[in-house]
Structure formats: structure tokens, C-alpha cells
Amino acid sequence: MFSVTSETFVTLSTIIIFLLSAGLTFFILRKYLKTKKLNLLYWSVGLVVFTVAVLLEILMANKIYSELIIDLYLFLVAVLVQFLALGSFALYNNKKFLSYYYIYSVLATVFLIVTLVLYPVGNIIKEHIVFGVLPLGVTISSSFVTFPAAAFIILIAAISYKKFKSKKLLSIIAGVIIVAIAGTLYIAAIPVFLYYAEFIGILLLWLGFM
């Protein structure tokens, strides 16, 4: 039986999640090109970011990393949640709220980049995963990016399901929420659930879009 922090478990989990994510990204991009729905565009971009982040997880699980890779990973898992939130705002179809969130997203992302430059994270790889105390500035800036986005996703999910009453949409929304939460788990220092959340989130998205 594999330990959740064993190198074998982490490597196998991340490879499976990477393949599922890459396949789903291709499928949603094709669907966007046919329908031109803005929410599909943002969700597909979010999944591209997610797929790249999982690829970095594979590298880090095999001891291939540097401070730049770690910083890039922390940036991606934060920005991922923003793109998923943008997709949710687009699904809600309120241009005014979407415009406000554009502005907030840009400011929060710039804040995150500045703190990653000013406060070097260093080597925080433990047990083949990113798990360590982040500099306070990075923790604060990451929280400004991820937690409001996650809250908006959950709020808009409830409103959208009440409006459309679609089981497939419910599966998509649940998948978006779980993948978004997975993107905040390192920030919240709860890595033990990361791979379960990523895997379940991608499966729910597959069920919703198929």
C-alpha cells in the first residue's frame, strides 16, 4: 500500500492527473472553438495552467526542481483559481461584475509577482511535494488571489445551478470548485489532500463535459 507522500504514489498520481487534464483541455478547447462561449475559454485556459502545474508536480516528485520552478508552480496554482473564477463569472453572464473582477485579478496578480520577487521562497520541497512555510508576503499575496476567487466560484455555482438545474452543469461546477480548492491547498498548508482533490475534480469535469 502506497503512502500518500511516497515518491511512487506521488509520481503515479501526478502522471494520471496530467493525462486526464491534458485530454480534457483538448476536449474543452474544441468545444469552445465550436460554441465561442466565453466561460469555456476561461475554463480551458485554467485547465492549461492546471496541466502545466501538474507537469511541474511530476518533475518535483522526481527531484527535478529549482527555486524558479518552485516560484513558477506557486504562481500557477494561484492564477489557476483566477481563471476558473473568470469562467464562472462568464457563465453567470454579468459583464459589470466580470469587468470588476478583471481589475481585481490584474492587481492581485501583480501583487503576487512582486512578493515572489521580493521574498524568495527557497527550497520548500518535502516528501516529493511542495510543503513548507512560505514567506509571509507570499502567503498574503497568494491568499488575495486564491481565496476571493474560490469564494466567488462557490457563490456563482449556487446561483447558476438554481437557475439552470442541469446535472451536467452541477458536475462541471463541482469539478471547478474542487480543482480550485486543490489550487489553494498548498497555500493553506494541507498537501495531504492535494492529489485526491485534483483527481476527483478532473473526473467530475470529464463527467460534466462528456
C-alpha atoms as a PDB file:
ATOM      1  CA  MET A   1       0.000   0.000   0.000  1.00  0.00           C
ATOM      2  CA  PHE A   2       1.442   3.371  -1.023  1.00  0.00           C
ATOM      3  CA  SER A   3       1.854   6.210   1.414  1.00  0.00           C
ATOM      4  CA  VAL A   4       0.267   9.447   0.199  1.00  0.00           C
ATOM      5  CA  THR A   5       3.682  11.062   0.442  1.00  0.00           C
ATOM      6  CA  SER A   6       5.703   8.228  -1.115  1.00  0.00           C
ATOM      7  CA  GLU A   7       7.587   9.006  -4.302  1.00  0.00           C
ATOM      8  CA  THR A   8       5.827   6.194  -6.177  1.00  0.00           C
ATOM      9  CA  PHE A   9       2.335   7.356  -5.165  1.00  0.00           C
ATOM     10  CA  VAL A  10       3.048  10.998  -5.969  1.00  0.00           C
ATOM     11  CA  THR A  11       4.595  10.165  -9.356  1.00  0.00           C
ATOM     12  CA  LEU A  12       1.793   7.805 -10.434  1.00  0.00           C
ATOM     13  CA  SER A  13      -0.918  10.176  -9.207  1.00  0.00           C
ATOM     14  CA  THR A  14       0.506  13.197 -10.978  1.00  0.00           C
ATOM     15  CA  ILE A  15       1.025  11.293 -14.254  1.00  0.00           C
ATOM     16  CA  ILE A  16      -2.594  10.069 -14.259  1.00  0.00           C
ATOM     17  CA  ILE A  17      -3.917  13.532 -13.375  1.00  0.00           C
ATOM     18  CA  PHE A  18      -1.712  15.099 -16.069  1.00  0.00           C
ATOM     19  CA  LEU A  19      -3.063  12.772 -18.778  1.00  0.00           C
ATOM     20  CA  LEU A  20      -6.683  13.334 -17.701  1.00  0.00           C
ATOM     21  CA  SER A  21      -6.174  17.091 -17.558  1.00  0.00           C
ATOM     22  CA  ALA A  22      -4.419  17.300 -20.928  1.00  0.00           C
ATOM     23  CA  GLY A  23      -7.170  15.264 -22.588  1.00  0.00           C
ATOM     24  CA  LEU A  24      -9.935  17.339 -21.020  1.00  0.00           C
ATOM     25  CA  THR A  25      -8.180  20.582 -22.000  1.00  0.00           C
ATOM     26  CA  PHE A  26      -8.095  19.472 -25.638  1.00  0.00           C
ATOM     27  CA  PHE A  27     -11.785  18.488 -25.494  1.00  0.00           C
ATOM     28  CA  ILE A  28     -12.927  21.800 -23.947  1.00  0.00           C
ATOM     29  CA  LEU A  29     -10.817  23.870 -26.365  1.00  0.00           C
ATOM     30  CA  ARG A  30     -12.514  22.086 -29.273  1.00  0.00           C
ATOM     31  CA  LYS A  31     -15.882  22.740 -27.697  1.00  0.00           C
ATOM     32  CA  TYR A  32     -15.019  26.422 -27.259  1.00  0.00           C
ATOM     33  CA  LEU A  33     -13.977  26.744 -30.919  1.00  0.00           C
ATOM     34  CA  LYS A  34     -17.398  25.400 -31.915  1.00  0.00           C
ATOM     35  CA  THR A  35     -19.540  27.406 -29.478  1.00  0.00           C
ATOM     36  CA  LYS A  36     -17.376  30.501 -28.769  1.00  0.00           C
ATOM     37  CA  LYS A  37     -18.711  30.564 -25.203  1.00  0.00           C
ATOM     38  CA  LEU A  38     -16.534  32.785 -23.023  1.00  0.00           C
ATOM     39  CA  ASN A  39     -16.827  30.595 -19.924  1.00  0.00           C
ATOM     40  CA  LEU A  40     -15.375  27.656 -21.897  1.00  0.00           C
ATOM     41  CA  LEU A  41     -12.441  29.816 -22.973  1.00  0.00           C
ATOM     42  CA  TYR A  42     -11.567  30.770 -19.395  1.00  0.00           C
ATOM     43  CA  TRP A  43     -12.049  27.235 -18.106  1.00  0.00           C
ATOM     44  CA  SER A  44      -9.862  25.829 -20.893  1.00  0.00           C
ATOM     45  CA  VAL A  45      -7.112  28.382 -20.125  1.00  0.00           C
ATOM     46  CA  GLY A  46      -7.450  27.452 -16.451  1.00  0.00           C
ATOM     47  CA  LEU A  47      -7.025  23.794 -17.362  1.00  0.00           C
ATOM     48  CA  VAL A  48      -3.937  24.607 -19.446  1.00  0.00           C
ATOM     49  CA  VAL A  49      -2.478  26.290 -16.348  1.00  0.00           C
ATOM     50  CA  PHE A  50      -3.550  23.302 -14.242  1.00  0.00           C
ATOM     51  CA  THR A  51      -1.928  20.848 -16.672  1.00  0.00           C
ATOM     52  CA  VAL A  52       1.368  22.760 -16.623  1.00  0.00           C
ATOM     53  CA  ALA A  53       1.246  22.886 -12.809  1.00  0.00           C
ATOM     54  CA  VAL A  54       0.723  19.110 -12.655  1.00  0.00           C
ATOM     55  CA  LEU A  55       3.647  18.654 -15.058  1.00  0.00           C
ATOM     56  CA  LEU A  56       5.790  20.603 -12.577  1.00  0.00           C
ATOM     57  CA  GLU A  57       4.474  18.327  -9.803  1.00  0.00           C
ATOM     58  CA  ILE A  58       5.775  15.348 -11.791  1.00  0.00           C
ATOM     59  CA  LEU A  59       9.190  16.978 -12.117  1.00  0.00           C
ATOM     60  CA  MET A  60       9.336  17.883  -8.429  1.00  0.00           C
ATOM     61  CA  ALA A  61       8.226  14.380  -7.410  1.00  0.00           C
ATOM     62  CA  ASN A  62      11.309  13.112  -9.252  1.00  0.00           C
ATOM     63  CA  LYS A  63      13.639  15.626  -7.596  1.00  0.00           C
ATOM     64  CA  ILE A  64      13.871  17.857 -10.667  1.00  0.00           C
ATOM     65  CA  TYR A  65      13.347  21.385  -9.423  1.00  0.00           C
ATOM     66  CA  SER A  66      14.898  24.766  -8.754  1.00  0.00           C
ATOM     67  CA  GLU A  67      13.834  27.935  -6.958  1.00  0.00           C
ATOM     68  CA  LEU A  68      12.488  29.249 -10.280  1.00  0.00           C
ATOM     69  CA  ILE A  69      10.363  26.111 -10.803  1.00  0.00           C
ATOM     70  CA  ILE A  70       9.001  26.345  -7.253  1.00  0.00           C
ATOM     71  CA  ASP A  71       8.125  30.034  -7.713  1.00  0.00           C
ATOM     72  CA  LEU A  72       6.516  29.279 -11.079  1.00  0.00           C
ATOM     73  CA  TYR A  73       4.496  26.460  -9.526  1.00  0.00           C
ATOM     74  CA  LEU A  74       3.220  28.666  -6.688  1.00  0.00           C
ATOM     75  CA  PHE A  75       2.280  31.324  -9.244  1.00  0.00           C
ATOM     76  CA  LEU A  76       0.426  28.836 -11.454  1.00  0.00           C
ATOM     77  CA  VAL A  77      -1.632  27.200  -8.685  1.00  0.00           C
ATOM     78  CA  ALA A  78      -2.752  30.662  -7.584  1.00  0.00           C
ATOM     79  CA  VAL A  79      -3.556  32.037 -11.064  1.00  0.00           C
ATOM     80  CA  LEU A  80      -5.354  28.788 -11.904  1.00  0.00           C
ATOM     81  CA  VAL A  81      -8.118  29.667  -9.438  1.00  0.00           C
ATOM     82  CA  GLN A  82      -8.492  33.114 -11.011  1.00  0.00           C
ATOM     83  CA  PHE A  83      -9.113  31.679 -14.478  1.00  0.00           C
ATOM     84  CA  LEU A  84     -11.673  29.242 -13.083  1.00  0.00           C
ATOM     85  CA  ALA A  85     -13.374  32.157 -11.332  1.00  0.00           C
ATOM     86  CA  LEU A  86     -13.378  34.162 -14.584  1.00  0.00           C
ATOM     87  CA  GLY A  87     -15.093  31.209 -16.256  1.00  0.00           C
ATOM     88  CA  SER A  88     -17.710  31.188 -13.515  1.00  0.00           C
ATOM     89  CA  PHE A  89     -18.289  34.940 -13.889  1.00  0.00           C
ATOM     90  CA  ALA A  90     -18.671  34.474 -17.657  1.00  0.00           C
ATOM     91  CA  LEU A  91     -21.178  31.663 -17.063  1.00  0.00           C
ATOM     92  CA  TYR A  92     -23.130  33.988 -14.762  1.00  0.00           C
ATOM     93  CA  ASN A  93     -23.135  36.417 -17.716  1.00  0.00           C
ATOM     94  CA  ASN A  94     -22.868  39.699 -15.829  1.00  0.00           C
ATOM     95  CA  LYS A  95     -20.424  41.928 -17.729  1.00  0.00           C
ATOM     96  CA  LYS A  96     -20.286  44.519 -14.946  1.00  0.00           C
ATOM     97  CA  PHE A  97     -19.151  42.015 -12.307  1.00  0.00           C
ATOM     98  CA  LEU A  98     -16.762  40.414 -14.808  1.00  0.00           C
ATOM     99  CA  SER A  99     -15.160  43.821 -15.518  1.00  0.00           C
ATOM    100  CA  TYR A 100     -14.681  44.471 -11.804  1.00  0.00           C
ATOM    101  CA  TYR A 101     -13.095  41.070 -11.354  1.00  0.00           C
ATOM    102  CA  TYR A 102     -10.750  41.703 -14.310  1.00  0.00           C
ATOM    103  CA  ILE A 103      -9.381  44.742 -12.476  1.00  0.00           C
ATOM    104  CA  TYR A 104      -9.066  42.916  -9.170  1.00  0.00           C
ATOM    105  CA  SER A 105      -7.375  39.926 -10.850  1.00  0.00           C
ATOM    106  CA  VAL A 106      -4.723  42.095 -12.505  1.00  0.00           C
ATOM    107  CA  LEU A 107      -3.942  43.947  -9.269  1.00  0.00           C
ATOM    108  CA  ALA A 108      -3.827  40.736  -7.207  1.00  0.00           C
ATOM    109  CA  THR A 109      -1.610  39.000  -9.779  1.00  0.00           C
ATOM    110  CA  VAL A 110       0.834  41.912  -9.878  1.00  0.00           C
ATOM    111  CA  PHE A 111       0.923  41.853  -6.062  1.00  0.00           C
ATOM    112  CA  LEU A 112       1.719  38.114  -6.164  1.00  0.00           C
ATOM    113  CA  ILE A 113       4.524  38.560  -8.722  1.00  0.00           C
ATOM    114  CA  VAL A 114       6.076  41.395  -6.700  1.00  0.00           C
ATOM    115  CA  THR A 115       6.088  39.346  -3.476  1.00  0.00           C
ATOM    116  CA  LEU A 116       7.576  36.311  -5.235  1.00  0.00           C
ATOM    117  CA  VAL A 117      10.405  38.559  -6.453  1.00  0.00           C
ATOM    118  CA  LEU A 118      10.932  40.386  -3.139  1.00  0.00           C
ATOM    119  CA  TYR A 119      10.601  37.373  -0.823  1.00  0.00           C
ATOM    120  CA  PRO A 120      12.478  34.353  -2.201  1.00  0.00           C
ATOM    121  CA  VAL A 121      10.673  31.143  -1.305  1.00  0.00           C
ATOM    122  CA  GLY A 122      13.742  28.941  -1.469  1.00  0.00           C
ATOM    123  CA  ASN A 123      13.652  25.149  -1.389  1.00  0.00           C
ATOM    124  CA  ILE A 124      10.424  24.003   0.241  1.00  0.00           C
ATOM    125  CA  ILE A 125      10.238  20.520  -1.309  1.00  0.00           C
ATOM    126  CA  LYS A 126       9.477  17.921   1.369  1.00  0.00           C
ATOM    127  CA  GLU A 127       8.465  14.314   0.761  1.00  0.00           C
ATOM    128  CA  HIS A 128       8.482  14.905  -3.027  1.00  0.00           C
ATOM    129  CA  ILE A 129       5.875  17.694  -2.829  1.00  0.00           C
ATOM    130  CA  VAL A 130       5.846  21.420  -2.158  1.00  0.00           C
ATOM    131  CA  PHE A 131       5.215  21.661   1.541  1.00  0.00           C
ATOM    132  CA  GLY A 132       6.840  24.228   3.762  1.00  0.00           C
ATOM    133  CA  VAL A 133       6.366  27.577   5.396  1.00  0.00           C
ATOM    134  CA  LEU A 134       6.100  30.303   2.770  1.00  0.00           C
ATOM    135  CA  PRO A 135       7.331  33.861   3.373  1.00  0.00           C
ATOM    136  CA  LEU A 136       4.543  35.928   4.951  1.00  0.00           C
ATOM    137  CA  GLY A 137       4.391  38.279   1.960  1.00  0.00           C
ATOM    138  CA  VAL A 138       3.895  35.382  -0.482  1.00  0.00           C
ATOM    139  CA  THR A 139       1.263  33.788   1.755  1.00  0.00           C
ATOM    140  CA  ILE A 140      -0.692  37.049   1.931  1.00  0.00           C
ATOM    141  CA  SER A 141      -0.466  37.794  -1.799  1.00  0.00           C
ATOM    142  CA  SER A 142      -1.394  34.209  -2.726  1.00  0.00           C
ATOM    143  CA  SER A 143      -4.402  34.421  -0.428  1.00  0.00           C
ATOM    144  CA  PHE A 144      -5.506  37.649  -2.136  1.00  0.00           C
ATOM    145  CA  VAL A 145      -5.501  35.735  -5.424  1.00  0.00           C
ATOM    146  CA  THR A 146      -6.977  32.375  -4.424  1.00  0.00           C
ATOM    147  CA  PHE A 147      -9.452  32.794  -1.580  1.00  0.00           C
ATOM    148  CA  PRO A 148     -11.700  35.506  -3.100  1.00  0.00           C
ATOM    149  CA  ALA A 149     -11.669  33.567  -6.395  1.00  0.00           C
ATOM    150  CA  ALA A 150     -12.683  30.338  -4.634  1.00  0.00           C
ATOM    151  CA  ALA A 151     -15.439  32.165  -2.747  1.00  0.00           C
ATOM    152  CA  PHE A 152     -16.798  33.688  -5.978  1.00  0.00           C
ATOM    153  CA  ILE A 153     -16.739  30.281  -7.692  1.00  0.00           C
ATOM    154  CA  ILE A 154     -18.817  28.720  -4.913  1.00  0.00           C
ATOM    155  CA  LEU A 155     -21.280  31.627  -4.823  1.00  0.00           C
ATOM    156  CA  ILE A 156     -21.781  31.719  -8.596  1.00  0.00           C
ATOM    157  CA  ALA A 157     -22.063  27.904  -8.656  1.00  0.00           C
ATOM    158  CA  ALA A 158     -25.009  28.027  -6.280  1.00  0.00           C
ATOM    159  CA  ILE A 159     -26.715  30.783  -8.313  1.00  0.00           C
ATOM    160  CA  SER A 160     -26.071  29.059 -11.656  1.00  0.00           C
ATOM    161  CA  TYR A 161     -27.363  25.667 -10.519  1.00  0.00           C
ATOM    162  CA  LYS A 162     -30.504  27.270  -9.099  1.00  0.00           C
ATOM    163  CA  LYS A 163     -31.033  28.920 -12.492  1.00  0.00           C
ATOM    164  CA  PHE A 164     -30.254  26.029 -14.882  1.00  0.00           C
ATOM    165  CA  LYS A 165     -30.970  22.873 -12.807  1.00  0.00           C
ATOM    166  CA  SER A 166     -28.632  20.828 -15.014  1.00  0.00           C
ATOM    167  CA  LYS A 167     -26.963  17.672 -13.642  1.00  0.00           C
ATOM    168  CA  LYS A 168     -24.080  18.004 -16.108  1.00  0.00           C
ATOM    169  CA  LEU A 169     -23.625  21.647 -15.115  1.00  0.00           C
ATOM    170  CA  LEU A 170     -23.678  20.568 -11.458  1.00  0.00           C
ATOM    171  CA  SER A 171     -20.867  18.096 -12.201  1.00  0.00           C
ATOM    172  CA  ILE A 172     -18.870  20.810 -14.029  1.00  0.00           C
ATOM    173  CA  ILE A 173     -19.399  23.303 -11.215  1.00  0.00           C
ATOM    174  CA  ALA A 174     -18.421  20.724  -8.578  1.00  0.00           C
ATOM    175  CA  GLY A 175     -15.296  19.854 -10.592  1.00  0.00           C
ATOM    176  CA  VAL A 176     -14.356  23.527 -10.946  1.00  0.00           C
ATOM    177  CA  ILE A 177     -14.815  24.055  -7.204  1.00  0.00           C
ATOM    178  CA  ILE A 178     -12.713  21.012  -6.256  1.00  0.00           C
ATOM    179  CA  VAL A 179      -9.914  21.860  -8.712  1.00  0.00           C
ATOM    180  CA  ALA A 180      -9.951  25.436  -7.404  1.00  0.00           C
ATOM    181  CA  ILE A 181      -9.749  24.213  -3.821  1.00  0.00           C
ATOM    182  CA  ALA A 182      -6.875  21.927  -4.830  1.00  0.00           C
ATOM    183  CA  GLY A 183      -5.109  25.051  -6.087  1.00  0.00           C
ATOM    184  CA  THR A 184      -5.356  26.606  -2.628  1.00  0.00           C
ATOM    185  CA  LEU A 185      -4.278  23.566  -0.605  1.00  0.00           C
ATOM    186  CA  TYR A 186      -0.556  24.376  -0.705  1.00  0.00           C
ATOM    187  CA  ILE A 187      -1.327  27.918   0.380  1.00  0.00           C
ATOM    188  CA  ALA A 188      -3.385  26.516   3.253  1.00  0.00           C
ATOM    189  CA  ALA A 189      -0.588  24.011   4.053  1.00  0.00           C
ATOM    190  CA  ILE A 190      -2.801  20.923   3.590  1.00  0.00           C
ATOM    191  CA  PRO A 191      -0.911  18.979   0.907  1.00  0.00           C
ATOM    192  CA  VAL A 192      -2.138  15.552   2.057  1.00  0.00           C
ATOM    193  CA  PHE A 193      -5.458  16.037   0.203  1.00  0.00           C
ATOM    194  CA  LEU A 194      -3.996  17.652  -2.910  1.00  0.00           C
ATOM    195  CA  TYR A 195      -3.833  14.641  -5.230  1.00  0.00           C
ATOM    196  CA  TYR A 196      -7.233  13.314  -4.164  1.00  0.00           C
ATOM    197  CA  ALA A 197      -8.794  16.721  -4.851  1.00  0.00           C
ATOM    198  CA  GLU A 198      -7.086  17.077  -8.243  1.00  0.00           C
ATOM    199  CA  PHE A 199      -8.134  13.586  -9.335  1.00  0.00           C
ATOM    200  CA  ILE A 200     -11.762  13.877  -8.179  1.00  0.00           C
ATOM    201  CA  GLY A 201     -12.059  17.383  -9.671  1.00  0.00           C
ATOM    202  CA  ILE A 202     -10.846  16.278 -13.106  1.00  0.00           C
ATOM    203  CA  LEU A 203     -13.167  13.240 -13.094  1.00  0.00           C
ATOM    204  CA  LEU A 204     -16.181  15.452 -12.275  1.00  0.00           C
ATOM    205  CA  LEU A 205     -15.237  17.800 -15.101  1.00  0.00           C
ATOM    206  CA  TRP A 206     -14.992  14.870 -17.507  1.00  0.00           C
ATOM    207  CA  LEU A 207     -18.454  13.654 -16.433  1.00  0.00           C
ATOM    208  CA  GLY A 208     -19.900  17.142 -16.892  1.00  0.00           C
ATOM    209  CA  PHE A 209     -18.439  17.867 -20.313  1.00  0.00           C
ATOM    210  CA  MET A 210     -18.917  14.399 -21.861  1.00  0.00           C
END
